[in-house]
Amino acid sequence: MSSPDTNPNSLFAKREPIFPRRVKGAFRNMKWWIMAVTLGIYYVTPWLRWDRGPSLPDQAVLIDIANRRFFFLMIEIWPHEFYFVAGLLIMAGLGLFLFTSAAGRVWCGYACPQTVWTDLFILVERWVEGDRNARLRLHRSAWTGEKVRKTAVKWTAWLLIAMATGGAWVFYFTDAPTLAVNLVTGQAHFVAYMTILVLTATTFFFGGFFREQICIYACPWPRIQAAMIDEDTLTINYRHWRGEPRGHLQKGVVADGLGDCIDCMACVNVCPMGIDIRDGQQMACITCGLCIDACNDVMDRIGKPRDLIGYMALTDEVAEQTGTEPKSVWKHVFRARTIMYTTLWAGVGIGLVVALFLRSDVDLNVTPVRNPTFVTLSDGSIRNTYDLRILNKLGNDAVFRISLTSEADLRISLEGTQELTVNVAANAQQTQRVYVVAAPGADAALADRTDLRLWVEEVGGTSRIHHDTIFNGKGD
């Protein structure tokens, strides 16, 4: 993977580029499918439409920072509902713990953006420069016209992919068709261009030049995963008791005492991290399974049993060495730790779904005016003032009636109108000042504090919400 630096005082080794060989097999096919699905979702999603009515955007997935809202199909999340986003992040973390505990770094090997885009960049590199040996020769050769041409074609393709990556990201934050036109005509906001530039640069360099270094040095997950893995975790291992001692296979020669491994280096040559899985578990291994495909292909050709390299747990290793029956896959997957993670993950998900269906289409916030806490009117009445902030999430303009309930005799009125109703535009918030008055000598006027409940109800509709507060009296 690397060679020692020429400086004897250096603590680091100079990076040697890794050129993985092309391989076919079940894991490679699965990686192709995952790449196609994840990239398709990423690039296509901003262009999907969803009809929400005339007053709301019709982009299916939109992070509308300007209006402080997040849209996902029929779901609309407001700033005060950020707990939904927090819940999804918690579910993502628990899901990562669950999959790592069950099958090692499957996220890193199959679905991590760094892995997906690196796979795509390697595919382009292979199309332009050829397979492993051809790329190695080109890398070690002098700068000729052919090398310049192939490098320019490769870098151009990488740059186009990186630009599409940055461009797709900004489309999630505003109307995609409108932004696309503005970007081409130079009318888009400076932030959009800068975001695309930064994401283009990071994708280009991370996927093209810093591939395995991002996974080993920049990403914290290789170090965290050790806490998620135990002896029952299924991960990629080399069956050394079956493969050792290794030796090269010679035509027409029967070698006694050798294991199944013929030391062909196929598992090393296909590894995108440049490691040798036969050396045991390593932090750099992303468990992508390509070494399994390569080794199985070799085993098929020399007539040996498959899975010299394969997914297995440490307990399976001990069982196979002693000749006992290893645990079934399901016993590895469904055990105390994974069941706990699954339960927590499902609990958070169910809680979010329940909260989503229980939330109201109207949100009410009541702020009592405390300077002063009450006012004594000319007739001796006691008046309290409240600011009501009404958020209309109905998707259409609505009229709301404001009322109160209390055990005490209290009257309510609205500033600026003789009516007890207020008009609120669709998907907008409006503040209305409300006065609550207790008659002279009434219990509420004489008491220190009186409980009351303010109601906001849609006129002609079903939406209704309340907020509990207090009425401050003279306290005589």
Protein backbone atom coordinates (compact mmCIF):
# COMPACT_ATOMS: atom_id res chain seq x y z
CA MET A 1 0.00 0.00 0.00
CA SER A 2 2.81 2.40 0.79
CA SER A 3 6.56 2.58 0.81
CA PRO A 4 8.77 4.13 3.51
CA ASP A 5 9.60 7.77 3.08
CA THR A 6 13.16 8.49 2.01
CA ASN A 7 13.57 10.75 5.01
CA PRO A 8 14.61 8.52 7.96
CA ASN A 9 13.27 11.09 10.45
CA SER A 10 9.78 11.07 8.95
CA LEU A 11 6.99 9.54 10.98
CA PHE A 12 4.84 9.01 7.90
CA ALA A 13 4.98 6.90 4.77
CA LYS A 14 4.50 8.33 1.32
CA ARG A 15 1.20 7.24 -0.19
CA GLU A 16 1.31 4.85 -3.10
CA PRO A 17 -1.86 4.93 -5.25
CA ILE A 18 -4.00 1.80 -5.16
CA PHE A 19 -5.23 0.32 -8.43
CA PRO A 20 -7.87 -2.34 -7.64
CA ARG A 21 -8.30 -5.08 -10.22
CA ARG A 22 -11.66 -5.67 -11.84
CA VAL A 23 -13.59 -8.54 -10.25
CA LYS A 24 -16.91 -10.28 -10.82
CA GLY A 25 -19.11 -11.96 -8.27
CA ALA A 26 -22.10 -11.65 -5.96
CA PHE A 27 -20.66 -8.89 -3.76
CA ARG A 28 -19.44 -6.86 -6.72
CA ASN A 29 -22.89 -7.12 -8.34
CA MET A 30 -24.53 -6.05 -5.09
CA LYS A 31 -22.24 -3.02 -4.93
CA TRP A 32 -23.18 -2.09 -8.51
CA TRP A 33 -26.88 -2.24 -7.64
CA ILE A 34 -26.44 -0.21 -4.47
CA MET A 35 -24.39 2.38 -6.36
CA ALA A 36 -27.07 2.70 -9.05
CA VAL A 37 -29.90 3.00 -6.52
CA THR A 38 -28.19 5.47 -4.17
CA LEU A 39 -26.84 7.71 -6.94
CA GLY A 40 -30.21 7.57 -8.70
CA ILE A 41 -31.99 8.66 -5.52
CA TYR A 42 -29.48 11.46 -4.92
CA TYR A 43 -29.53 12.91 -8.44
CA VAL A 44 -33.24 12.42 -9.26
CA THR A 45 -34.99 13.30 -5.97
CA PRO A 46 -34.83 17.13 -6.31
CA TRP A 47 -36.68 16.91 -9.62
CA LEU A 48 -39.65 14.94 -8.30
CA ARG A 49 -42.87 16.95 -7.96
CA TRP A 50 -45.61 16.80 -5.31
CA ASP A 51 -48.82 18.85 -5.52
CA ARG A 52 -49.42 20.65 -2.22
CA GLY A 53 -51.81 23.30 -3.48
CA PRO A 54 -51.32 26.83 -4.83
CA SER A 55 -49.64 28.32 -1.76
CA LEU A 56 -46.91 25.72 -1.22
CA PRO A 57 -43.92 24.59 -3.31
CA ASP A 58 -44.45 21.49 -5.45
CA GLN A 59 -40.98 20.00 -5.01
CA ALA A 60 -41.31 16.58 -3.38
CA VAL A 61 -38.24 16.98 -1.13
CA LEU A 62 -37.28 20.54 -0.26
CA ILE A 63 -35.24 22.09 2.55
CA ASP A 64 -36.72 25.59 2.39
CA ILE A 65 -34.30 27.55 4.54
CA ALA A 66 -35.67 30.94 3.44
CA ASN A 67 -39.12 30.09 4.82
CA ARG A 68 -37.74 27.81 7.55
CA ARG A 69 -39.55 24.67 6.50
CA PHE A 70 -38.72 21.15 5.36
CA PHE A 71 -40.97 19.31 2.91
CA PHE A 72 -40.93 15.57 2.35
CA LEU A 73 -43.80 14.39 0.15
CA MET A 74 -46.97 15.03 2.18
CA ILE A 75 -45.04 15.89 5.36
CA GLU A 76 -44.16 19.48 6.30
CA ILE A 77 -41.76 20.14 9.17
CA TRP A 78 -41.60 23.57 10.81
CA PRO A 79 -38.68 25.00 12.85
CA HIS A 80 -40.38 24.32 16.19
CA GLU A 81 -40.80 20.68 15.08
CA PHE A 82 -37.08 20.06 14.70
CA TYR A 83 -37.45 17.14 17.07
CA PHE A 84 -38.58 15.15 14.01
CA VAL A 85 -35.19 15.77 12.38
CA ALA A 86 -33.42 14.97 15.65
CA GLY A 87 -35.41 11.73 15.86
CA LEU A 88 -34.41 10.75 12.33
CA LEU A 89 -30.75 11.40 13.17
CA ILE A 90 -31.07 9.23 16.28
CA MET A 91 -32.63 6.48 14.15
CA ALA A 92 -29.77 6.77 11.66
CA GLY A 93 -27.23 6.41 14.47
CA LEU A 94 -29.01 3.43 15.99
CA GLY A 95 -29.31 1.87 12.55
CA LEU A 96 -25.57 2.25 12.06
CA PHE A 97 -24.96 0.62 15.44
CA LEU A 98 -27.35 -2.20 14.54
CA PHE A 99 -25.84 -3.04 11.16
CA THR A 100 -22.27 -2.75 12.46
CA SER A 101 -23.04 -5.03 15.39
CA ALA A 102 -24.63 -7.58 13.06
CA ALA A 103 -22.32 -7.50 10.03
CA GLY A 104 -19.38 -5.19 10.62
CA ARG A 105 -18.75 -2.14 8.46
CA VAL A 106 -21.42 -2.88 5.86
CA TRP A 107 -22.29 0.83 5.70
CA CYS A 108 -18.68 1.66 4.84
CA GLY A 109 -18.41 -1.11 2.28
CA TYR A 110 -21.64 -0.56 0.37
CA ALA A 111 -23.54 2.69 1.06
CA CYS A 112 -21.13 5.31 2.42
CA PRO A 113 -20.95 8.28 -0.02
CA GLN A 114 -17.15 8.07 0.01
CA THR A 115 -17.36 4.41 -1.06
CA VAL A 116 -20.05 4.99 -3.68
CA TRP A 117 -18.31 7.90 -5.40
CA THR A 118 -14.90 6.21 -5.15
CA ASP A 119 -16.36 3.14 -6.87
CA LEU A 120 -17.74 5.41 -9.59
CA PHE A 121 -14.40 7.18 -10.05
CA ILE A 122 -12.55 3.85 -10.23
CA LEU A 123 -15.04 2.68 -12.86
CA VAL A 124 -14.26 5.76 -14.97
CA GLU A 125 -10.54 5.24 -14.39
CA ARG A 126 -10.81 1.64 -15.59
CA TRP A 127 -12.77 2.65 -18.70
CA VAL A 128 -10.13 5.20 -19.67
CA GLU A 129 -6.85 3.56 -18.61
CA GLY A 130 -7.63 -0.15 -18.47
CA ASP A 131 -7.50 -2.71 -15.67
CA ARG A 132 -5.02 -2.89 -12.81
CA ASN A 133 -1.86 -3.82 -14.72
CA ALA A 134 -2.46 -1.23 -17.45
CA ARG A 135 -3.07 1.48 -14.85
CA LEU A 136 0.06 0.49 -12.94
CA ARG A 137 2.18 0.69 -16.09
CA LEU A 138 0.69 4.05 -17.00
CA HIS A 139 1.29 5.39 -13.48
CA ARG A 140 4.95 4.33 -13.51
CA SER A 141 5.64 5.49 -17.06
CA ALA A 142 7.00 8.87 -18.12
CA TRP A 143 4.66 11.67 -19.16
CA THR A 144 4.01 10.90 -22.81
CA GLY A 145 1.29 12.21 -25.07
CA GLU A 146 -0.83 9.12 -24.40
CA LYS A 147 -0.51 9.51 -20.63
CA VAL A 148 -1.45 13.19 -20.82
CA ARG A 149 -4.47 12.39 -23.02
CA LYS A 150 -5.78 9.60 -20.80
CA THR A 151 -5.21 11.59 -17.63
CA ALA A 152 -7.02 14.61 -19.10
CA VAL A 153 -10.00 12.47 -20.18
CA LYS A 154 -10.15 10.80 -16.75
CA TRP A 155 -9.93 14.06 -14.82
CA THR A 156 -12.54 15.68 -17.06
CA ALA A 157 -14.98 12.83 -16.40
CA TRP A 158 -14.26 13.05 -12.67
CA LEU A 159 -14.84 16.80 -12.73
CA LEU A 160 -18.18 16.43 -14.52
CA ILE A 161 -19.32 13.84 -11.95
CA ALA A 162 -18.16 16.11 -9.12
CA MET A 163 -20.01 19.10 -10.60
CA ALA A 164 -23.17 17.03 -10.93
CA THR A 165 -22.74 16.02 -7.28
CA GLY A 166 -22.45 19.61 -6.04
CA GLY A 167 -25.22 20.76 -8.37
CA ALA A 168 -27.62 18.08 -7.18
CA TRP A 169 -27.03 19.08 -3.55
CA VAL A 170 -28.04 22.74 -3.98
CA PHE A 171 -31.24 21.66 -5.77
CA TYR A 172 -32.50 20.28 -2.46
CA PHE A 173 -32.65 23.81 -1.01
CA THR A 174 -34.75 25.63 -3.62
CA ASP A 175 -36.96 24.90 -6.61
CA ALA A 176 -34.73 22.73 -8.83
CA PRO A 177 -35.94 23.82 -12.32
CA THR A 178 -35.83 27.50 -11.38
CA LEU A 179 -32.36 27.20 -9.85
CA ALA A 180 -31.06 25.27 -12.86
CA VAL A 181 -32.08 28.14 -15.17
CA ASN A 182 -30.59 30.72 -12.81
CA LEU A 183 -27.32 28.82 -12.58
CA VAL A 184 -26.97 28.66 -16.34
CA THR A 185 -27.92 32.31 -16.86
CA GLY A 186 -25.72 33.55 -14.01
CA GLN A 187 -28.62 34.80 -11.91
CA ALA A 188 -28.30 32.33 -9.03
CA HIS A 189 -27.19 33.50 -5.59
CA PHE A 190 -23.48 33.60 -4.85
CA VAL A 191 -23.97 30.99 -2.10
CA ALA A 192 -25.26 28.48 -4.67
CA TYR A 193 -22.15 28.85 -6.83
CA MET A 194 -19.83 28.62 -3.82
CA THR A 195 -21.60 25.52 -2.52
CA ILE A 196 -21.29 23.81 -5.89
CA LEU A 197 -17.62 24.82 -6.08
CA VAL A 198 -16.79 23.44 -2.63
CA LEU A 199 -18.68 20.17 -3.16
CA THR A 200 -17.17 19.77 -6.63
CA ALA A 201 -13.67 20.19 -5.24
CA THR A 202 -14.17 17.84 -2.30
CA THR A 203 -15.82 15.15 -4.43
CA PHE A 204 -13.10 15.43 -7.09
CA PHE A 205 -10.21 15.13 -4.63
CA PHE A 206 -11.78 12.71 -2.13
CA GLY A 207 -13.02 10.29 -4.80
CA GLY A 208 -10.05 10.66 -7.11
CA PHE A 209 -6.93 11.12 -5.00
CA PHE A 210 -7.60 10.63 -1.26
CA ARG A 211 -9.70 7.48 -1.52
CA GLU A 212 -8.57 5.11 1.20
CA GLN A 213 -6.98 7.94 3.19
CA ILE A 214 -10.40 9.44 3.90
CA CYS A 215 -11.56 6.09 5.30
CA ILE A 216 -8.45 5.50 7.38
CA TYR A 217 -7.48 8.95 8.62
CA ALA A 218 -10.39 11.38 8.18
CA CYS A 219 -13.34 9.20 9.12
CA PRO A 220 -13.79 8.46 12.85
CA TRP A 221 -15.97 5.38 12.31
CA PRO A 222 -13.13 2.81 11.93
CA ARG A 223 -12.12 3.62 15.49
CA ILE A 224 -15.67 3.71 16.86
CA GLN A 225 -16.70 0.42 15.26
CA ALA A 226 -14.57 -1.59 17.68
CA ALA A 227 -17.11 -0.82 20.40
CA MET A 228 -19.93 -2.10 18.17
CA ILE A 229 -18.32 -5.43 17.22
CA ASP A 230 -18.12 -8.53 19.41
CA GLU A 231 -17.26 -12.19 18.91
CA ASP A 232 -20.64 -12.88 17.27
CA THR A 233 -20.43 -10.13 14.67
CA LEU A 234 -20.31 -11.43 11.11
CA THR A 235 -17.39 -9.86 9.29
CA ILE A 236 -14.89 -10.84 6.60
CA ASN A 237 -12.22 -13.32 7.68
CA TYR A 238 -9.61 -15.55 6.12
CA ARG A 239 -9.83 -19.21 7.15
CA HIS A 240 -6.15 -19.55 7.88
CA TRP A 241 -6.46 -23.09 9.27
CA ARG A 242 -7.67 -24.12 5.85
CA GLY A 243 -5.44 -21.90 3.72
CA GLU A 244 -2.11 -22.30 5.55
CA PRO A 245 0.58 -23.06 4.82
CA ARG A 246 0.09 -21.25 1.55
CA GLY A 247 2.07 -22.01 -1.58
CA HIS A 248 2.03 -21.46 -5.32
CA LEU A 249 0.25 -24.03 -7.44
CA GLN A 250 2.50 -25.67 -10.02
CA LYS A 251 1.12 -27.43 -13.03
CA GLY A 252 1.54 -31.21 -12.86
CA VAL A 253 2.95 -31.09 -9.35
CA VAL A 254 1.02 -32.36 -6.34
CA ALA A 255 2.14 -30.44 -3.28
CA ASP A 256 1.62 -32.26 0.00
CA GLY A 257 1.13 -30.37 3.22
CA LEU A 258 -0.01 -27.11 1.63
CA GLY A 259 -3.28 -25.35 2.36
CA ASP A 260 -5.85 -24.16 -0.13
CA CYS A 261 -4.34 -20.68 -0.48
CA ILE A 262 -2.07 -20.56 -3.53
CA ASP A 263 -0.76 -17.09 -2.66
CA CYS A 264 -2.06 -15.64 -5.93
CA MET A 265 -2.62 -12.20 -4.33
CA ALA A 266 -6.05 -11.94 -5.99
CA CYS A 267 -7.65 -10.84 -2.71
CA VAL A 268 -5.07 -8.07 -2.31
CA ASN A 269 -5.22 -6.91 -5.93
CA VAL A 270 -8.99 -6.29 -5.83
CA CYS A 271 -9.03 -4.56 -2.43
CA PRO A 272 -9.85 -0.84 -2.72
CA MET A 273 -8.00 -0.26 0.54
CA GLY A 274 -4.88 -2.15 -0.54
CA ILE A 275 -4.80 -4.46 2.48
CA ASP A 276 -4.20 -8.20 2.80
CA ILE A 277 -7.18 -9.77 4.57
CA ARG A 278 -5.03 -12.82 5.30
CA ASP A 279 -3.24 -10.75 7.93
CA GLY A 280 -6.42 -10.72 10.01
CA GLN A 281 -8.88 -8.02 10.99
CA GLN A 282 -7.63 -4.50 10.23
CA MET A 283 -8.97 -1.04 10.81
CA ALA A 284 -8.69 -0.25 7.09
CA CYS A 285 -11.01 -3.10 6.03
CA ILE A 286 -14.40 -1.74 4.93
CA THR A 287 -15.90 -5.26 4.51
CA CYS A 288 -16.88 -4.65 0.89
CA GLY A 289 -16.64 -8.37 0.04
CA LEU A 290 -14.58 -7.97 -3.14
CA CYS A 291 -11.84 -10.20 -1.75
CA ILE A 292 -14.48 -12.92 -1.29
CA ASP A 293 -15.46 -12.69 -4.97
CA ALA A 294 -11.82 -12.80 -6.08
CA CYS A 295 -10.92 -15.76 -3.87
CA ASN A 296 -14.05 -17.72 -4.81
CA ASP A 297 -13.18 -17.27 -8.48
CA VAL A 298 -9.71 -18.70 -7.87
CA MET A 299 -11.08 -21.58 -5.80
CA ASP A 300 -13.51 -22.46 -8.61
CA ARG A 301 -10.69 -22.53 -11.15
CA ILE A 302 -8.40 -24.78 -9.09
CA GLY A 303 -11.21 -27.06 -7.90
CA LYS A 304 -11.14 -26.13 -4.22
CA PRO A 305 -14.14 -25.38 -1.96
CA ARG A 306 -15.35 -21.79 -1.91
CA ASP A 307 -15.30 -19.36 1.03
CA LEU A 308 -11.64 -19.59 1.94
CA ILE A 309 -12.36 -15.92 2.58
CA GLY A 310 -15.89 -15.21 3.74
CA TYR A 311 -18.22 -13.66 6.27
CA MET A 312 -17.87 -15.34 9.63
CA ALA A 313 -17.77 -14.54 13.35
CA LEU A 314 -14.94 -15.18 15.79
CA THR A 315 -17.03 -17.87 17.46
CA ASP A 316 -17.38 -19.57 14.07
CA GLU A 317 -13.61 -19.50 13.68
CA VAL A 318 -13.15 -21.36 16.98
CA ALA A 319 -15.93 -23.83 16.13
CA GLU A 320 -14.52 -24.64 12.67
CA GLN A 321 -11.02 -25.12 14.05
CA THR A 322 -12.28 -27.58 16.65
CA GLY A 323 -14.56 -29.36 14.17
CA THR A 324 -17.84 -28.40 15.85
CA GLU A 325 -20.91 -26.97 14.14
CA PRO A 326 -20.82 -23.15 14.04
CA LYS A 327 -23.86 -21.04 14.85
CA SER A 328 -26.38 -20.29 12.13
CA VAL A 329 -26.38 -16.87 10.51
CA TRP A 330 -29.68 -15.99 12.19
CA LYS A 331 -28.27 -16.67 15.65
CA HIS A 332 -25.48 -14.23 14.91
CA VAL A 333 -27.86 -11.60 13.59
CA PHE A 334 -30.56 -11.94 16.25
CA ARG A 335 -28.87 -11.75 19.62
CA ALA A 336 -29.19 -9.56 22.72
CA ARG A 337 -27.22 -6.59 21.37
CA THR A 338 -28.90 -6.42 17.97
CA ILE A 339 -32.34 -6.98 19.50
CA MET A 340 -31.69 -4.06 21.88
CA TYR A 341 -30.65 -1.77 19.01
CA THR A 342 -33.65 -2.88 16.95
CA THR A 343 -36.02 -2.21 19.84
CA LEU A 344 -34.59 1.26 20.43
CA TRP A 345 -34.65 2.04 16.70
CA ALA A 346 -38.26 0.88 16.35
CA GLY A 347 -39.29 2.74 19.51
CA VAL A 348 -37.94 6.05 18.19
CA GLY A 349 -39.58 5.42 14.81
CA ILE A 350 -42.97 4.60 16.32
CA GLY A 351 -42.75 7.67 18.54
CA LEU A 352 -42.08 9.90 15.52
CA VAL A 353 -44.99 8.41 13.57
CA VAL A 354 -47.36 8.87 16.52
CA ALA A 355 -46.18 12.46 17.01
CA LEU A 356 -46.62 13.12 13.29
CA PHE A 357 -50.25 12.03 13.31
CA LEU A 358 -51.08 13.72 16.61
CA ARG A 359 -49.71 17.16 15.72
CA SER A 360 -52.19 19.93 15.06
CA ASP A 361 -52.60 21.93 11.84
CA VAL A 362 -52.53 25.05 13.99
CA ASP A 363 -49.81 26.05 16.42
CA LEU A 364 -50.39 28.48 19.28
CA ASN A 365 -47.91 30.30 21.46
CA VAL A 366 -49.08 32.60 24.26
CA THR A 367 -46.83 35.22 25.84
CA PRO A 368 -48.31 37.16 28.80
CA VAL A 369 -47.25 40.81 28.86
CA ARG A 370 -45.59 41.27 32.28
CA ASN A 371 -44.73 44.95 32.20
CA PRO A 372 -46.99 45.62 33.99
CA THR A 373 -48.50 42.29 35.05
CA PHE A 374 -51.98 43.87 35.14
CA VAL A 375 -53.67 47.22 34.56
CA THR A 376 -56.46 48.71 36.68
CA LEU A 377 -59.01 50.36 34.40
CA SER A 378 -61.03 53.50 35.25
CA ASP A 379 -64.04 51.44 36.35
CA GLY A 380 -61.91 49.29 38.65
CA SER A 381 -61.67 46.32 36.31
CA ILE A 382 -58.41 44.37 36.14
CA ARG A 383 -56.96 43.76 32.70
CA ASN A 384 -54.21 41.35 31.62
CA THR A 385 -52.57 41.47 28.18
CA TYR A 386 -51.40 38.49 26.13
CA ASP A 387 -49.65 38.18 22.76
CA LEU A 388 -50.94 35.18 20.81
CA ARG A 389 -48.80 33.88 17.94
CA ILE A 390 -50.95 31.75 15.66
CA LEU A 391 -49.26 29.58 13.05
CA ASN A 392 -51.54 28.41 10.23
CA LYS A 393 -50.27 25.11 8.78
CA LEU A 394 -53.48 24.26 6.94
CA GLY A 395 -52.18 25.18 3.48
CA ASN A 396 -54.96 27.75 2.90
CA ASP A 397 -56.05 31.09 4.39
CA ALA A 398 -58.21 30.59 7.46
CA VAL A 399 -60.27 32.53 10.01
CA PHE A 400 -59.72 31.61 13.65
CA ARG A 401 -61.96 32.40 16.62
CA ILE A 402 -60.27 33.20 19.92
CA SER A 403 -62.00 32.36 23.20
CA LEU A 404 -61.24 31.43 26.78
CA THR A 405 -62.48 29.08 29.45
CA SER A 406 -61.98 29.56 33.17
CA GLU A 407 -63.78 28.90 36.45
CA ALA A 408 -63.68 32.65 37.02
CA ASP A 409 -65.84 35.25 35.26
CA LEU A 410 -63.49 36.73 32.66
CA ARG A 411 -64.11 38.66 29.43
CA ILE A 412 -61.89 38.58 26.34
CA SER A 413 -61.34 41.14 23.58
CA LEU A 414 -58.92 41.59 20.69
CA GLU A 415 -56.85 44.65 19.95
CA GLY A 416 -57.87 46.50 16.79
CA THR A 417 -61.20 44.76 16.24
CA GLN A 418 -64.59 44.31 17.83
CA GLU A 419 -64.69 40.72 16.62
CA LEU A 420 -63.16 37.71 18.32
CA THR A 421 -61.75 36.38 15.05
CA VAL A 422 -58.45 36.83 13.25
CA ASN A 423 -57.46 36.06 9.64
CA VAL A 424 -54.20 34.15 9.17
CA ALA A 425 -52.69 33.56 5.74
CA ALA A 426 -51.77 30.06 4.60
CA ASN A 427 -48.48 28.77 6.03
CA ALA A 428 -47.93 32.01 7.90
CA GLN A 429 -47.70 33.19 11.49
CA GLN A 430 -49.60 36.14 12.88
CA THR A 431 -49.38 37.82 16.27
CA GLN A 432 -52.59 39.06 17.87
CA ARG A 433 -52.77 41.05 21.11
CA VAL A 434 -55.54 39.83 23.40
CA TYR A 435 -57.02 41.49 26.49
CA VAL A 436 -58.63 39.54 29.34
CA VAL A 437 -60.65 41.57 31.88
CA ALA A 438 -62.06 40.74 35.31
CA ALA A 439 -64.93 42.88 36.62
CA PRO A 440 -64.41 45.05 39.74
CA GLY A 441 -64.71 42.98 42.86
CA ALA A 442 -64.73 39.66 40.97
CA ASP A 443 -62.83 36.76 42.45
CA ALA A 444 -60.28 36.85 39.62
CA ALA A 445 -59.67 40.57 40.20
CA LEU A 446 -59.07 40.07 43.90
CA ALA A 447 -57.11 36.82 43.69
CA ASP A 448 -53.37 36.69 43.15
CA ARG A 449 -53.54 34.24 40.24
CA THR A 450 -56.37 32.56 38.34
CA ASP A 451 -55.98 29.72 35.86
CA LEU A 452 -57.45 30.16 32.41
CA ARG A 453 -57.28 28.44 29.03
CA LEU A 454 -57.10 30.33 25.73
CA TRP A 455 -58.60 28.60 22.68
CA VAL A 456 -57.98 29.11 18.95
CA GLU A 457 -60.53 27.42 16.71
CA GLU A 458 -60.81 27.38 12.91
CA VAL A 459 -64.11 28.92 11.80
CA GLY A 460 -65.92 26.38 9.65
CA GLY A 461 -63.20 23.78 10.18
CA THR A 462 -62.08 21.15 12.63
CA SER A 463 -58.73 22.50 13.81
CA ARG A 464 -58.69 23.53 17.44
CA ILE A 465 -55.88 24.15 19.91
CA HIS A 466 -55.53 25.59 23.40
CA HIS A 467 -52.89 27.02 25.69
CA ASP A 468 -53.05 27.21 29.48
CA THR A 469 -51.91 30.40 31.21
CA ILE A 470 -52.77 32.51 34.28
CA PHE A 471 -54.63 35.75 35.01
CA ASN A 472 -52.93 38.05 37.48
CA GLY A 473 -55.16 39.92 39.97
CA LYS A 474 -54.49 42.45 42.73
CA GLY A 475 -53.95 39.72 45.30
CA ASP A 476 -55.84 41.54 48.06
